[in-house]
Amino acid sequence: MKKIVAVFLGVSMSNCVLAGDGSPELKSESQAVIRNAGYQCDKVNGVFPAAFGGSVTVFCDDVYQYIIKDKGGRYTVEVND
């Protein structure tokens, strides 16, 4: 799972062609990372890579906003208030 997220982070950040709200695969992997970190995410509304790489912003349940960051191959999840 981490390999898929890492590949996506690398590809999407250099290829910001995702005009929509994220692919189904990216939504699923992001949701899994968020849940594994102990946060709630029943439905992913959108996943958006940062313009300069290193993170993705995830919107869940029409309420929550999380930022997944790649810290040297270790993923951290932050709640964005």
PDB file of N, CA and C in Angstrom:
ATOM      1  N   MET A   1       0.827  -1.189   0.000  1.00  0.00           N
ATOM      2  CA  MET A   1       0.000   0.000   0.000  1.00  0.00           C
ATOM      3  C   MET A   1       0.869   1.249   0.000  1.00  0.00           C
ATOM      4  N   LYS A   2       1.927   1.270   0.816  1.00  0.00           N
ATOM      5  CA  LYS A   2       2.795   2.443   0.872  1.00  0.00           C
ATOM      6  C   LYS A   2       3.474   2.686  -0.467  1.00  0.00           C
ATOM      7  N   LYS A   3       3.785   1.597  -1.185  1.00  0.00           N
ATOM      8  CA  LYS A   3       4.418   1.760  -2.489  1.00  0.00           C
ATOM      9  C   LYS A   3       3.476   2.453  -3.464  1.00  0.00           C
ATOM     10  N   ILE A   4       2.202   2.111  -3.409  1.00  0.00           N
ATOM     11  CA  ILE A   4       1.230   2.733  -4.307  1.00  0.00           C
ATOM     12  C   ILE A   4       1.115   4.216  -4.011  1.00  0.00           C
ATOM     13  N   VAL A   5       1.032   4.581  -2.749  1.00  0.00           N
ATOM     14  CA  VAL A   5       0.940   5.994  -2.381  1.00  0.00           C
ATOM     15  C   VAL A   5       2.214   6.716  -2.778  1.00  0.00           C
ATOM     16  N   ALA A   6       3.371   6.080  -2.568  1.00  0.00           N
ATOM     17  CA  ALA A   6       4.648   6.706  -2.922  1.00  0.00           C
ATOM     18  C   ALA A   6       4.740   6.934  -4.420  1.00  0.00           C
ATOM     19  N   VAL A   7       4.329   5.944  -5.194  1.00  0.00           N
ATOM     20  CA  VAL A   7       4.342   6.096  -6.645  1.00  0.00           C
ATOM     21  C   VAL A   7       3.409   7.219  -7.052  1.00  0.00           C
ATOM     22  N   PHE A   8       2.234   7.262  -6.462  1.00  0.00           N
ATOM     23  CA  PHE A   8       1.305   8.322  -6.820  1.00  0.00           C
ATOM     24  C   PHE A   8       1.856   9.685  -6.438  1.00  0.00           C
ATOM     25  N   LEU A   9       2.420   9.808  -5.244  1.00  0.00           N
ATOM     26  CA  LEU A   9       2.974  11.093  -4.822  1.00  0.00           C
ATOM     27  C   LEU A   9       4.024  11.564  -5.811  1.00  0.00           C
ATOM     28  N   GLY A  10       4.889  10.661  -6.240  1.00  0.00           N
ATOM     29  CA  GLY A  10       5.934  11.035  -7.182  1.00  0.00           C
ATOM     30  C   GLY A  10       5.398  11.396  -8.547  1.00  0.00           C
ATOM     31  N   VAL A  11       4.475  10.596  -9.058  1.00  0.00           N
ATOM     32  CA  VAL A  11       3.937  10.832 -10.394  1.00  0.00           C
ATOM     33  C   VAL A  11       3.010  12.032 -10.426  1.00  0.00           C
ATOM     34  N   SER A  12       2.111  12.122  -9.481  1.00  0.00           N
ATOM     35  CA  SER A  12       1.123  13.196  -9.530  1.00  0.00           C
ATOM     36  C   SER A  12       1.741  14.556  -9.274  1.00  0.00           C
ATOM     37  N   MET A  13       2.786  14.592  -8.488  1.00  0.00           N
ATOM     38  CA  MET A  13       3.387  15.880  -8.181  1.00  0.00           C
ATOM     39  C   MET A  13       4.153  16.411  -9.375  1.00  0.00           C
ATOM     40  N   SER A  14       4.735  15.525 -10.154  1.00  0.00           N
ATOM     41  CA  SER A  14       5.453  15.974 -11.332  1.00  0.00           C
ATOM     42  C   SER A  14       4.521  16.075 -12.531  1.00  0.00           C
ATOM     43  N   ASN A  15       3.364  15.506 -12.425  1.00  0.00           N
ATOM     44  CA  ASN A  15       2.413  15.491 -13.533  1.00  0.00           C
ATOM     45  C   ASN A  15       1.055  15.916 -13.007  1.00  0.00           C
ATOM     46  N   CYS A  16       0.883  17.184 -12.744  1.00  0.00           N
ATOM     47  CA  CYS A  16      -0.345  17.698 -12.132  1.00  0.00           C
ATOM     48  C   CYS A  16      -1.464  17.809 -13.153  1.00  0.00           C
ATOM     49  N   VAL A  17      -1.844  16.675 -13.707  1.00  0.00           N
ATOM     50  CA  VAL A  17      -2.871  16.644 -14.724  1.00  0.00           C
ATOM     51  C   VAL A  17      -4.212  16.240 -14.129  1.00  0.00           C
ATOM     52  N   LEU A  18      -4.239  15.931 -12.847  1.00  0.00           N
ATOM     53  CA  LEU A  18      -5.480  15.499 -12.209  1.00  0.00           C
ATOM     54  C   LEU A  18      -6.400  16.693 -12.006  1.00  0.00           C
ATOM     55  N   ALA A  19      -7.226  16.954 -12.996  1.00  0.00           N
ATOM     56  CA  ALA A  19      -8.124  18.098 -12.918  1.00  0.00           C
ATOM     57  C   ALA A  19      -9.339  17.786 -12.058  1.00  0.00           C
ATOM     58  N   GLY A  20      -9.646  16.505 -11.869  1.00  0.00           N
ATOM     59  CA  GLY A  20     -10.812  16.124 -11.086  1.00  0.00           C
ATOM     60  C   GLY A  20     -10.501  16.077  -9.608  1.00  0.00           C
ATOM     61  N   ASP A  21     -11.195  15.205  -8.927  1.00  0.00           N
ATOM     62  CA  ASP A  21     -11.030  15.105  -7.476  1.00  0.00           C
ATOM     63  C   ASP A  21     -10.238  13.867  -7.069  1.00  0.00           C
ATOM     64  N   GLY A  22      -9.483  13.297  -7.983  1.00  0.00           N
ATOM     65  CA  GLY A  22      -8.638  12.148  -7.677  1.00  0.00           C
ATOM     66  C   GLY A  22      -9.191  10.857  -8.246  1.00  0.00           C
ATOM     67  N   SER A  23      -8.298   9.944  -8.573  1.00  0.00           N
ATOM     68  CA  SER A  23      -8.705   8.657  -9.118  1.00  0.00           C
ATOM     69  C   SER A  23      -9.287   7.782  -8.008  1.00  0.00           C
ATOM     70  N   PRO A  24     -10.088   6.788  -8.374  1.00  0.00           N
ATOM     71  CA  PRO A  24     -10.635   5.879  -7.362  1.00  0.00           C
ATOM     72  C   PRO A  24      -9.537   5.161  -6.572  1.00  0.00           C
ATOM     73  N   GLU A  25      -8.432   4.814  -7.240  1.00  0.00           N
ATOM     74  CA  GLU A  25      -7.332   4.139  -6.557  1.00  0.00           C
ATOM     75  C   GLU A  25      -6.687   5.058  -5.526  1.00  0.00           C
ATOM     76  N   LEU A  26      -6.468   6.307  -5.908  1.00  0.00           N
ATOM     77  CA  LEU A  26      -5.855   7.264  -4.990  1.00  0.00           C
ATOM     78  C   LEU A  26      -6.768   7.529  -3.797  1.00  0.00           C
ATOM     79  N   LYS A  27      -8.058   7.639  -4.054  1.00  0.00           N
ATOM     80  CA  LYS A  27      -9.015   7.849  -2.962  1.00  0.00           C
ATOM     81  C   LYS A  27      -8.977   6.680  -1.985  1.00  0.00           C
ATOM     82  N   SER A  28      -8.963   5.473  -2.519  1.00  0.00           N
ATOM     83  CA  SER A  28      -8.957   4.274  -1.679  1.00  0.00           C
ATOM     84  C   SER A  28      -7.681   4.184  -0.845  1.00  0.00           C
ATOM     85  N   GLU A  29      -6.538   4.420  -1.463  1.00  0.00           N
ATOM     86  CA  GLU A  29      -5.267   4.353  -0.739  1.00  0.00           C
ATOM     87  C   GLU A  29      -5.161   5.461   0.303  1.00  0.00           C
ATOM     88  N   SER A  30      -5.615   6.655  -0.037  1.00  0.00           N
ATOM     89  CA  SER A  30      -5.579   7.771   0.914  1.00  0.00           C
ATOM     90  C   SER A  30      -6.467   7.480   2.115  1.00  0.00           C
ATOM     91  N   GLN A  31      -7.650   6.927   1.853  1.00  0.00           N
ATOM     92  CA  GLN A  31      -8.570   6.578   2.931  1.00  0.00           C
ATOM     93  C   GLN A  31      -7.932   5.543   3.858  1.00  0.00           C
ATOM     94  N   ALA A  32      -7.250   4.568   3.286  1.00  0.00           N
ATOM     95  CA  ALA A  32      -6.596   3.534   4.096  1.00  0.00           C
ATOM     96  C   ALA A  32      -5.488   4.126   4.966  1.00  0.00           C
ATOM     97  N   VAL A  33      -4.698   5.036   4.415  1.00  0.00           N
ATOM     98  CA  VAL A  33      -3.622   5.668   5.185  1.00  0.00           C
ATOM     99  C   VAL A  33      -4.210   6.480   6.336  1.00  0.00           C
ATOM    100  N   ILE A  34      -5.281   7.217   6.065  1.00  0.00           N
ATOM    101  CA  ILE A  34      -5.933   8.037   7.098  1.00  0.00           C
ATOM    102  C   ILE A  34      -6.501   7.155   8.205  1.00  0.00           C
ATOM    103  N   ARG A  35      -7.188   6.095   7.825  1.00  0.00           N
ATOM    104  CA  ARG A  35      -7.766   5.189   8.826  1.00  0.00           C
ATOM    105  C   ARG A  35      -6.682   4.490   9.645  1.00  0.00           C
ATOM    106  N   ASN A  36      -5.592   4.085   8.991  1.00  0.00           N
ATOM    107  CA  ASN A  36      -4.487   3.434   9.713  1.00  0.00           C
ATOM    108  C   ASN A  36      -3.828   4.372  10.710  1.00  0.00           C
ATOM    109  N   ALA A  37      -3.953   5.675  10.471  1.00  0.00           N
ATOM    110  CA  ALA A  37      -3.407   6.666  11.405  1.00  0.00           C
ATOM    111  C   ALA A  37      -4.374   6.942  12.555  1.00  0.00           C
ATOM    112  N   GLY A  38      -5.563   6.321  12.520  1.00  0.00           N
ATOM    113  CA  GLY A  38      -6.519   6.462  13.614  1.00  0.00           C
ATOM    114  C   GLY A  38      -7.565   7.542  13.430  1.00  0.00           C
ATOM    115  N   TYR A  39      -7.676   8.077  12.218  1.00  0.00           N
ATOM    116  CA  TYR A  39      -8.661   9.126  11.958  1.00  0.00           C
ATOM    117  C   TYR A  39      -9.874   8.560  11.228  1.00  0.00           C
ATOM    118  N   GLN A  40     -10.958   9.313  11.260  1.00  0.00           N
ATOM    119  CA  GLN A  40     -12.201   8.902  10.618  1.00  0.00           C
ATOM    120  C   GLN A  40     -12.231   9.391   9.178  1.00  0.00           C
ATOM    121  N   CYS A  41     -12.634   8.501   8.278  1.00  0.00           N
ATOM    122  CA  CYS A  41     -12.823   8.865   6.878  1.00  0.00           C
ATOM    123  C   CYS A  41     -13.694   7.793   6.238  1.00  0.00           C
ATOM    124  N   ASP A  42     -15.007   8.016   6.255  1.00  0.00           N
ATOM    125  CA  ASP A  42     -15.933   7.048   5.680  1.00  0.00           C
ATOM    126  C   ASP A  42     -16.066   7.208   4.172  1.00  0.00           C
ATOM    127  N   LYS A  43     -15.962   8.449   3.684  1.00  0.00           N
ATOM    128  CA  LYS A  43     -16.083   8.717   2.248  1.00  0.00           C
ATOM    129  C   LYS A  43     -15.083   9.801   1.865  1.00  0.00           C
ATOM    130  N   VAL A  44     -14.277   9.525   0.853  1.00  0.00           N
ATOM    131  CA  VAL A  44     -13.315  10.513   0.362  1.00  0.00           C
ATOM    132  C   VAL A  44     -14.007  11.362  -0.698  1.00  0.00           C
ATOM    133  N   ASN A  45     -14.080  12.672  -0.449  1.00  0.00           N
ATOM    134  CA  ASN A  45     -14.705  13.591  -1.393  1.00  0.00           C
ATOM    135  C   ASN A  45     -13.729  14.092  -2.451  1.00  0.00           C
ATOM    136  N   GLY A  46     -12.451  14.146  -2.115  1.00  0.00           N
ATOM    137  CA  GLY A  46     -11.464  14.605  -3.078  1.00  0.00           C
ATOM    138  C   GLY A  46     -10.054  14.449  -2.550  1.00  0.00           C
ATOM    139  N   VAL A  47      -9.123  14.241  -3.481  1.00  0.00           N
ATOM    140  CA  VAL A  47      -7.706  14.125  -3.152  1.00  0.00           C
ATOM    141  C   VAL A  47      -6.948  15.030  -4.115  1.00  0.00           C
ATOM    142  N   PHE A  48      -6.147  15.940  -3.557  1.00  0.00           N
ATOM    143  CA  PHE A  48      -5.466  16.930  -4.380  1.00  0.00           C
ATOM    144  C   PHE A  48      -3.987  16.998  -4.010  1.00  0.00           C
ATOM    145  N   PRO A  49      -3.095  16.728  -4.976  1.00  0.00           N
ATOM    146  CA  PRO A  49      -1.664  16.813  -4.697  1.00  0.00           C
ATOM    147  C   PRO A  49      -1.213  18.258  -4.540  1.00  0.00           C
ATOM    148  N   ALA A  50      -0.207  18.473  -3.709  1.00  0.00           N
ATOM    149  CA  ALA A  50       0.363  19.809  -3.526  1.00  0.00           C
ATOM    150  C   ALA A  50       1.089  20.213  -4.806  1.00  0.00           C
ATOM    151  N   ALA A  51       1.086  21.491  -5.087  1.00  0.00           N
ATOM    152  CA  ALA A  51       1.695  21.999  -6.312  1.00  0.00           C
ATOM    153  C   ALA A  51       3.190  21.708  -6.382  1.00  0.00           C
ATOM    154  N   PHE A  52       3.872  21.717  -5.252  1.00  0.00           N
ATOM    155  CA  PHE A  52       5.319  21.531  -5.262  1.00  0.00           C
ATOM    156  C   PHE A  52       5.746  20.185  -4.693  1.00  0.00           C
ATOM    157  N   GLY A  53       4.820  19.262  -4.549  1.00  0.00           N
ATOM    158  CA  GLY A  53       5.153  17.904  -4.157  1.00  0.00           C
ATOM    159  C   GLY A  53       5.273  17.673  -2.666  1.00  0.00           C
ATOM    160  N   GLY A  54       5.380  16.386  -2.328  1.00  0.00           N
ATOM    161  CA  GLY A  54       5.597  15.999  -0.947  1.00  0.00           C
ATOM    162  C   GLY A  54       4.362  15.739  -0.126  1.00  0.00           C
ATOM    163  N   SER A  55       3.184  16.123  -0.626  1.00  0.00           N
ATOM    164  CA  SER A  55       1.973  15.901   0.165  1.00  0.00           C
ATOM    165  C   SER A  55       0.732  15.882  -0.720  1.00  0.00           C
ATOM    166  N   VAL A  56      -0.328  15.331  -0.153  1.00  0.00           N
ATOM    167  CA  VAL A  56      -1.647  15.400  -0.786  1.00  0.00           C
ATOM    168  C   VAL A  56      -2.645  15.856   0.268  1.00  0.00           C
ATOM    169  N   THR A  57      -3.632  16.615  -0.162  1.00  0.00           N
ATOM    170  CA  THR A  57      -4.713  17.055   0.717  1.00  0.00           C
ATOM    171  C   THR A  57      -5.928  16.199   0.413  1.00  0.00           C
ATOM    172  N   VAL A  58      -6.536  15.659   1.462  1.00  0.00           N
ATOM    173  CA  VAL A  58      -7.669  14.749   1.313  1.00  0.00           C
ATOM    174  C   VAL A  58      -8.865  15.323   2.059  1.00  0.00           C
ATOM    175  N   PHE A  59     -10.014  15.372   1.381  1.00  0.00           N
ATOM    176  CA  PHE A  59     -11.264  15.815   1.991  1.00  0.00           C
ATOM    177  C   PHE A  59     -12.147  14.595   2.214  1.00  0.00           C
ATOM    178  N   CYS A  60     -12.627  14.420   3.462  1.00  0.00           N
ATOM    179  CA  CYS A  60     -13.437  13.254   3.827  1.00  0.00           C
ATOM    180  C   CYS A  60     -14.766  13.671   4.447  1.00  0.00           C
ATOM    181  N   ASP A  61     -15.800  12.925   4.142  1.00  0.00           N
ATOM    182  CA  ASP A  61     -17.107  13.031   4.797  1.00  0.00           C
ATOM    183  C   ASP A  61     -17.688  14.448   4.755  1.00  0.00           C
ATOM    184  N   ASP A  62     -17.316  15.249   3.774  1.00  0.00           N
ATOM    185  CA  ASP A  62     -17.786  16.637   3.647  1.00  0.00           C
ATOM    186  C   ASP A  62     -17.472  17.476   4.878  1.00  0.00           C
ATOM    187  N   VAL A  63     -16.579  17.007   5.748  1.00  0.00           N
ATOM    188  CA  VAL A  63     -16.274  17.715   6.993  1.00  0.00           C
ATOM    189  C   VAL A  63     -14.772  17.813   7.236  1.00  0.00           C
ATOM    190  N   TYR A  64     -14.070  16.698   7.106  1.00  0.00           N
ATOM    191  CA  TYR A  64     -12.674  16.614   7.519  1.00  0.00           C
ATOM    192  C   TYR A  64     -11.721  16.910   6.367  1.00  0.00           C
ATOM    193  N   GLN A  65     -10.596  17.528   6.715  1.00  0.00           N
ATOM    194  CA  GLN A  65      -9.531  17.773   5.751  1.00  0.00           C
ATOM    195  C   GLN A  65      -8.221  17.282   6.359  1.00  0.00           C
ATOM    196  N   TYR A  66      -7.549  16.400   5.639  1.00  0.00           N
ATOM    197  CA  TYR A  66      -6.292  15.827   6.106  1.00  0.00           C
ATOM    198  C   TYR A  66      -5.189  16.126   5.099  1.00  0.00           C
ATOM    199  N   ILE A  67      -3.968  16.172   5.602  1.00  0.00           N
ATOM    200  CA  ILE A  67      -2.804  16.308   4.741  1.00  0.00           C
ATOM    201  C   ILE A  67      -1.915  15.097   4.990  1.00  0.00           C
ATOM    202  N   ILE A  68      -1.654  14.340   3.927  1.00  0.00           N
ATOM    203  CA  ILE A  68      -0.756  13.192   4.005  1.00  0.00           C
ATOM    204  C   ILE A  68       0.588  13.652   3.459  1.00  0.00           C
ATOM    205  N   LYS A  69       1.625  13.511   4.286  1.00  0.00           N
ATOM    206  CA  LYS A  69       2.969  13.943   3.889  1.00  0.00           C
ATOM    207  C   LYS A  69       3.914  12.752   3.844  1.00  0.00           C
ATOM    208  N   ASP A  70       4.818  12.797   2.891  1.00  0.00           N
ATOM    209  CA  ASP A  70       5.862  11.781   2.765  1.00  0.00           C
ATOM    210  C   ASP A  70       7.099  12.291   3.483  1.00  0.00           C
ATOM    211  N   LYS A  71       7.425  11.663   4.587  1.00  0.00           N
ATOM    212  CA  LYS A  71       8.602  12.032   5.384  1.00  0.00           C
ATOM    213  C   LYS A  71       9.638  10.921   5.236  1.00  0.00           C
ATOM    214  N   GLY A  72      10.342  10.936   4.128  1.00  0.00           N
ATOM    215  CA  GLY A  72      11.382   9.931   3.897  1.00  0.00           C
ATOM    216  C   GLY A  72      10.859   8.516   3.780  1.00  0.00           C
ATOM    217  N   GLY A  73       9.728   8.329   3.125  1.00  0.00           N
ATOM    218  CA  GLY A  73       9.133   7.005   2.973  1.00  0.00           C
ATOM    219  C   GLY A  73       8.173   6.632   4.082  1.00  0.00           C
ATOM    220  N   ARG A  74       8.073   7.463   5.088  1.00  0.00           N
ATOM    221  CA  ARG A  74       7.123   7.260   6.189  1.00  0.00           C
ATOM    222  C   ARG A  74       6.029   8.306   6.035  1.00  0.00           C
ATOM    223  N   TYR A  75       4.794   7.862   6.001  1.00  0.00           N
ATOM    224  CA  TYR A  75       3.682   8.778   5.759  1.00  0.00           C
ATOM    225  C   TYR A  75       3.075   9.263   7.062  1.00  0.00           C
ATOM    226  N   THR A  76       2.862  10.562   7.141  1.00  0.00           N
ATOM    227  CA  THR A  76       2.218  11.154   8.306  1.00  0.00           C
ATOM    228  C   THR A  76       0.897  11.756   7.866  1.00  0.00           C
ATOM    229  N   VAL A  77      -0.063  11.735   8.771  1.00  0.00           N
ATOM    230  CA  VAL A  77      -1.376  12.314   8.505  1.00  0.00           C
ATOM    231  C   VAL A  77      -1.594  13.439   9.500  1.00  0.00           C
ATOM    232  N   GLU A  78      -1.932  14.613   8.982  1.00  0.00           N
ATOM    233  CA  GLU A  78      -2.217  15.770   9.823  1.00  0.00           C
ATOM    234  C   GLU A  78      -3.646  16.223   9.562  1.00  0.00           C
ATOM    235  N   VAL A  79      -4.310  16.650  10.624  1.00  0.00           N
ATOM    236  CA  VAL A  79      -5.645  17.230  10.477  1.00  0.00           C
ATOM    237  C   VAL A  79      -5.457  18.698  10.150  1.00  0.00           C
ATOM    238  N   ASN A  80      -6.076  19.143   9.078  1.00  0.00           N
ATOM    239  CA  ASN A  80      -5.989  20.545   8.679  1.00  0.00           C
ATOM    240  C   ASN A  80      -7.250  21.248   9.163  1.00  0.00           C
ATOM    241  N   ASP A  81      -7.101  22.078  10.191  1.00  0.00           N
ATOM    242  CA  ASP A  81      -8.268  22.755  10.778  1.00  0.00           C
ATOM    243  C   ASP A  81      -8.706  23.902   9.933  1.00  0.00           C
TER     244      ASP A  81
END
